[in-house]
Amino acid sequence: MDESSHGDGYGSGHIEAGREKATILGMVMVLQLRRRLALHDGVDLTEADVAQVFAFTETMDDSLGIIDTLEGAARAMDPAPAALARLLVHRDPPGSRFELHEEHANGDLDCLALGMFIRLNVAAHGFEDAVERQAVALRLEGTGGTAYGREILQRVLTDIHDLTRMQRIMEDRHRG
């Protein structure tokens, strides 16, 4: 199955695809997410928290975009999952290195959830960032764009879940 935005459908996150570069990048991004949530929101993000956000996305109206879906989750969930949902709607400017910004995204195309998806695709498949962003933008703005946005969001949440689990296992081994 082609796992880029240029193909159809997604069965799993980037991590299960076994892409070493994407896995390393994902580990760094999720570590930054977890640190930010611990420092600013006082929560320790777990796999169960990420799974709650994922499950919530499945209950939302299919006509909602990425940001609207995450904002709904943030209003309805416990502190840790809500904090993750709020963080994923922050701005992730195109063409910049990965860093967490405080400002709210202007739309789905510049939110952190989409930025993580694009960065992981670029790392896993060697696409050019600008080309990948354009391909994703065309699909989001075309017929079925909100469904595609939901797939992107769920794929990113799958990756965050899997990477959080990997980090917990490594932390447990280090302590053990």
Protein backbone atom coordinates (compact mmCIF):
# COMPACT_ATOMS: atom_id res chain seq x y z
CA MET A 1 0.00 0.00 0.00
CA ASP A 2 1.33 3.44 -0.90
CA GLU A 3 1.51 5.30 2.39
CA SER A 4 1.98 8.80 1.05
CA SER A 5 -0.72 11.36 0.53
CA HIS A 6 -0.49 10.42 -3.14
CA GLY A 7 -2.05 6.98 -2.53
CA ASP A 8 -5.40 5.79 -1.25
CA GLY A 9 -6.26 4.86 2.32
CA TYR A 10 -4.27 4.17 5.43
CA GLY A 11 -4.25 1.01 7.47
CA SER A 12 -1.74 2.06 10.08
CA GLY A 13 0.52 4.86 11.14
CA HIS A 14 3.92 5.69 9.74
CA ILE A 15 5.69 3.76 12.47
CA GLU A 16 4.32 0.35 11.49
CA ALA A 17 5.66 0.97 8.01
CA GLY A 18 9.12 0.49 9.52
CA ARG A 19 10.62 3.68 8.19
CA GLU A 20 13.66 4.38 10.36
CA LYS A 21 14.02 8.07 9.50
CA ALA A 22 10.33 8.73 10.13
CA THR A 23 10.48 6.77 13.38
CA ILE A 24 13.40 8.82 14.67
CA LEU A 25 11.73 12.08 13.65
CA GLY A 26 8.46 10.91 15.19
CA MET A 27 10.20 10.01 18.45
CA VAL A 28 11.66 13.52 18.65
CA MET A 29 8.32 15.17 17.87
CA VAL A 30 6.37 13.07 20.38
CA LEU A 31 9.01 13.63 23.05
CA GLN A 32 8.57 17.39 22.51
CA LEU A 33 4.78 17.02 22.67
CA ARG A 34 4.99 15.06 25.92
CA ARG A 35 7.42 17.55 27.48
CA ARG A 36 5.27 20.51 26.44
CA LEU A 37 2.14 18.88 27.88
CA ALA A 38 3.95 18.07 31.14
CA LEU A 39 5.39 21.58 31.55
CA HIS A 40 2.46 23.71 30.38
CA ASP A 41 -0.55 21.54 31.19
CA GLY A 42 0.74 19.41 34.06
CA VAL A 43 -0.24 16.15 32.35
CA ASP A 44 1.72 12.99 31.61
CA LEU A 45 0.53 11.86 28.18
CA THR A 46 -0.14 8.12 27.96
CA GLU A 47 -1.18 5.80 25.16
CA ALA A 48 -4.64 5.62 26.75
CA ASP A 49 -4.98 9.42 26.46
CA VAL A 50 -4.12 9.31 22.77
CA ALA A 51 -6.52 6.40 22.25
CA GLN A 52 -9.30 8.48 23.83
CA VAL A 53 -8.74 11.31 21.35
CA PHE A 54 -8.70 8.79 18.48
CA ALA A 55 -11.95 7.20 19.68
CA PHE A 56 -13.53 10.64 19.99
CA THR A 57 -12.60 11.50 16.38
CA GLU A 58 -14.59 8.47 15.24
CA THR A 59 -17.76 9.89 16.85
CA MET A 60 -17.52 13.36 15.29
CA ASP A 61 -19.53 14.50 12.29
CA ASP A 62 -17.74 13.62 9.05
CA SER A 63 -18.23 17.15 7.73
CA LEU A 64 -15.90 18.62 10.37
CA GLY A 65 -12.32 19.48 9.52
CA ILE A 66 -9.22 18.63 11.54
CA ILE A 67 -9.32 21.72 13.76
CA ASP A 68 -13.06 21.52 14.43
CA THR A 69 -12.73 17.84 15.34
CA LEU A 70 -9.83 18.48 17.71
CA GLU A 71 -11.56 21.47 19.30
CA GLY A 72 -14.61 19.27 19.94
CA ALA A 73 -12.36 16.69 21.57
CA ALA A 74 -10.67 19.35 23.70
CA ARG A 75 -14.03 20.52 25.06
CA ALA A 76 -15.33 17.03 25.83
CA MET A 77 -12.37 15.13 27.22
CA ASP A 78 -10.35 14.66 30.41
CA PRO A 79 -7.35 16.97 30.99
CA ALA A 80 -4.57 14.98 29.27
CA PRO A 81 -6.46 14.04 26.08
CA ALA A 82 -7.94 17.56 25.94
CA ALA A 83 -4.47 19.10 26.27
CA LEU A 84 -3.19 16.95 23.39
CA ALA A 85 -6.17 17.92 21.21
CA ARG A 86 -5.59 21.62 21.98
CA LEU A 87 -1.89 21.35 21.18
CA LEU A 88 -2.53 19.67 17.82
CA VAL A 89 -4.50 22.74 16.65
CA HIS A 90 -1.54 25.03 17.26
CA ARG A 91 0.21 26.51 14.26
CA ASP A 92 2.99 24.61 12.50
CA PRO A 93 4.36 26.98 9.85
CA PRO A 94 5.35 25.33 6.56
CA GLY A 95 9.03 25.37 5.71
CA SER A 96 10.21 25.70 9.29
CA ARG A 97 11.97 23.22 11.51
CA PHE A 98 9.77 21.37 13.98
CA GLU A 99 9.03 23.42 17.06
CA LEU A 100 5.91 23.90 19.10
CA HIS A 101 4.23 27.27 18.63
CA GLU A 102 1.76 28.92 20.97
CA GLU A 103 -0.49 30.49 18.38
CA HIS A 104 -3.63 28.79 17.10
CA ALA A 105 -3.57 27.59 13.48
CA ASN A 106 -5.36 29.68 10.86
CA GLY A 107 -6.85 26.55 9.33
CA ASP A 108 -6.34 22.84 8.82
CA LEU A 109 -3.47 23.46 6.39
CA ASP A 110 -1.17 25.00 9.00
CA CYS A 111 -2.12 23.05 12.13
CA LEU A 112 0.36 20.89 14.02
CA ALA A 113 -1.53 17.65 13.31
CA LEU A 114 -1.21 18.18 9.56
CA GLY A 115 2.37 19.39 9.91
CA MET A 116 3.33 16.19 11.72
CA PHE A 117 1.68 14.11 8.99
CA ILE A 118 3.59 15.93 6.27
CA ARG A 119 6.91 15.82 8.11
CA LEU A 120 6.59 12.07 8.68
CA ASN A 121 5.65 11.46 5.02
CA VAL A 122 8.61 13.51 3.84
CA ALA A 123 10.95 11.61 6.16
CA ALA A 124 9.53 8.18 5.31
CA HIS A 125 9.26 8.56 1.55
CA GLY A 126 11.77 11.25 0.57
CA PHE A 127 9.21 13.65 -0.88
CA GLU A 128 9.97 17.35 -1.09
CA ASP A 129 8.19 19.23 1.69
CA ALA A 130 6.61 21.82 -0.62
CA VAL A 131 5.40 19.14 -3.05
CA GLU A 132 3.91 17.05 -0.24
CA ARG A 133 2.17 20.08 1.27
CA GLN A 134 0.70 20.99 -2.11
CA ALA A 135 -0.53 17.41 -2.69
CA VAL A 136 -2.16 17.32 0.74
CA ALA A 137 -3.70 20.78 0.26
CA LEU A 138 -5.24 19.73 -3.07
CA ARG A 139 -6.80 16.64 -1.51
CA LEU A 140 -8.07 18.53 1.54
CA GLU A 141 -9.67 21.19 -0.64
CA GLY A 142 -11.14 18.71 -3.14
CA THR A 143 -14.09 16.34 -3.06
CA GLY A 144 -13.91 14.22 0.08
CA GLY A 145 -11.45 16.62 1.68
CA THR A 146 -12.93 16.43 5.17
CA ALA A 147 -12.83 12.61 5.09
CA TYR A 148 -9.20 12.81 3.99
CA GLY A 149 -8.52 15.25 6.84
CA ARG A 150 -10.05 12.76 9.28
CA GLU A 151 -7.76 10.01 7.89
CA ILE A 152 -4.75 12.28 8.36
CA LEU A 153 -5.76 13.09 11.93
CA GLN A 154 -6.31 9.44 12.80
CA ARG A 155 -3.01 8.45 11.23
CA VAL A 156 -1.15 11.10 13.24
CA LEU A 157 -2.91 9.98 16.43
CA THR A 158 -1.93 6.38 15.63
CA ASP A 159 1.68 7.47 15.27
CA ILE A 160 1.59 9.49 18.50
CA HIS A 161 0.05 6.49 20.29
CA ASP A 162 2.66 4.05 18.97
CA LEU A 163 5.56 6.40 19.68
CA THR A 164 4.29 7.17 23.18
CA ARG A 165 4.16 3.42 23.83
CA MET A 166 7.72 3.00 22.49
CA GLN A 167 8.95 5.82 24.71
CA ARG A 168 7.24 4.33 27.78
CA ILE A 169 8.86 0.95 27.11
CA MET A 170 12.27 2.61 26.80
CA GLU A 171 11.67 4.62 29.99
CA ASP A 172 10.60 1.47 31.88
CA ARG A 173 13.72 -0.39 30.72
CA HIS A 174 15.91 2.51 31.76
CA ARG A 175 14.33 2.55 35.23
CA GLY A 176 14.16 -1.21 35.57
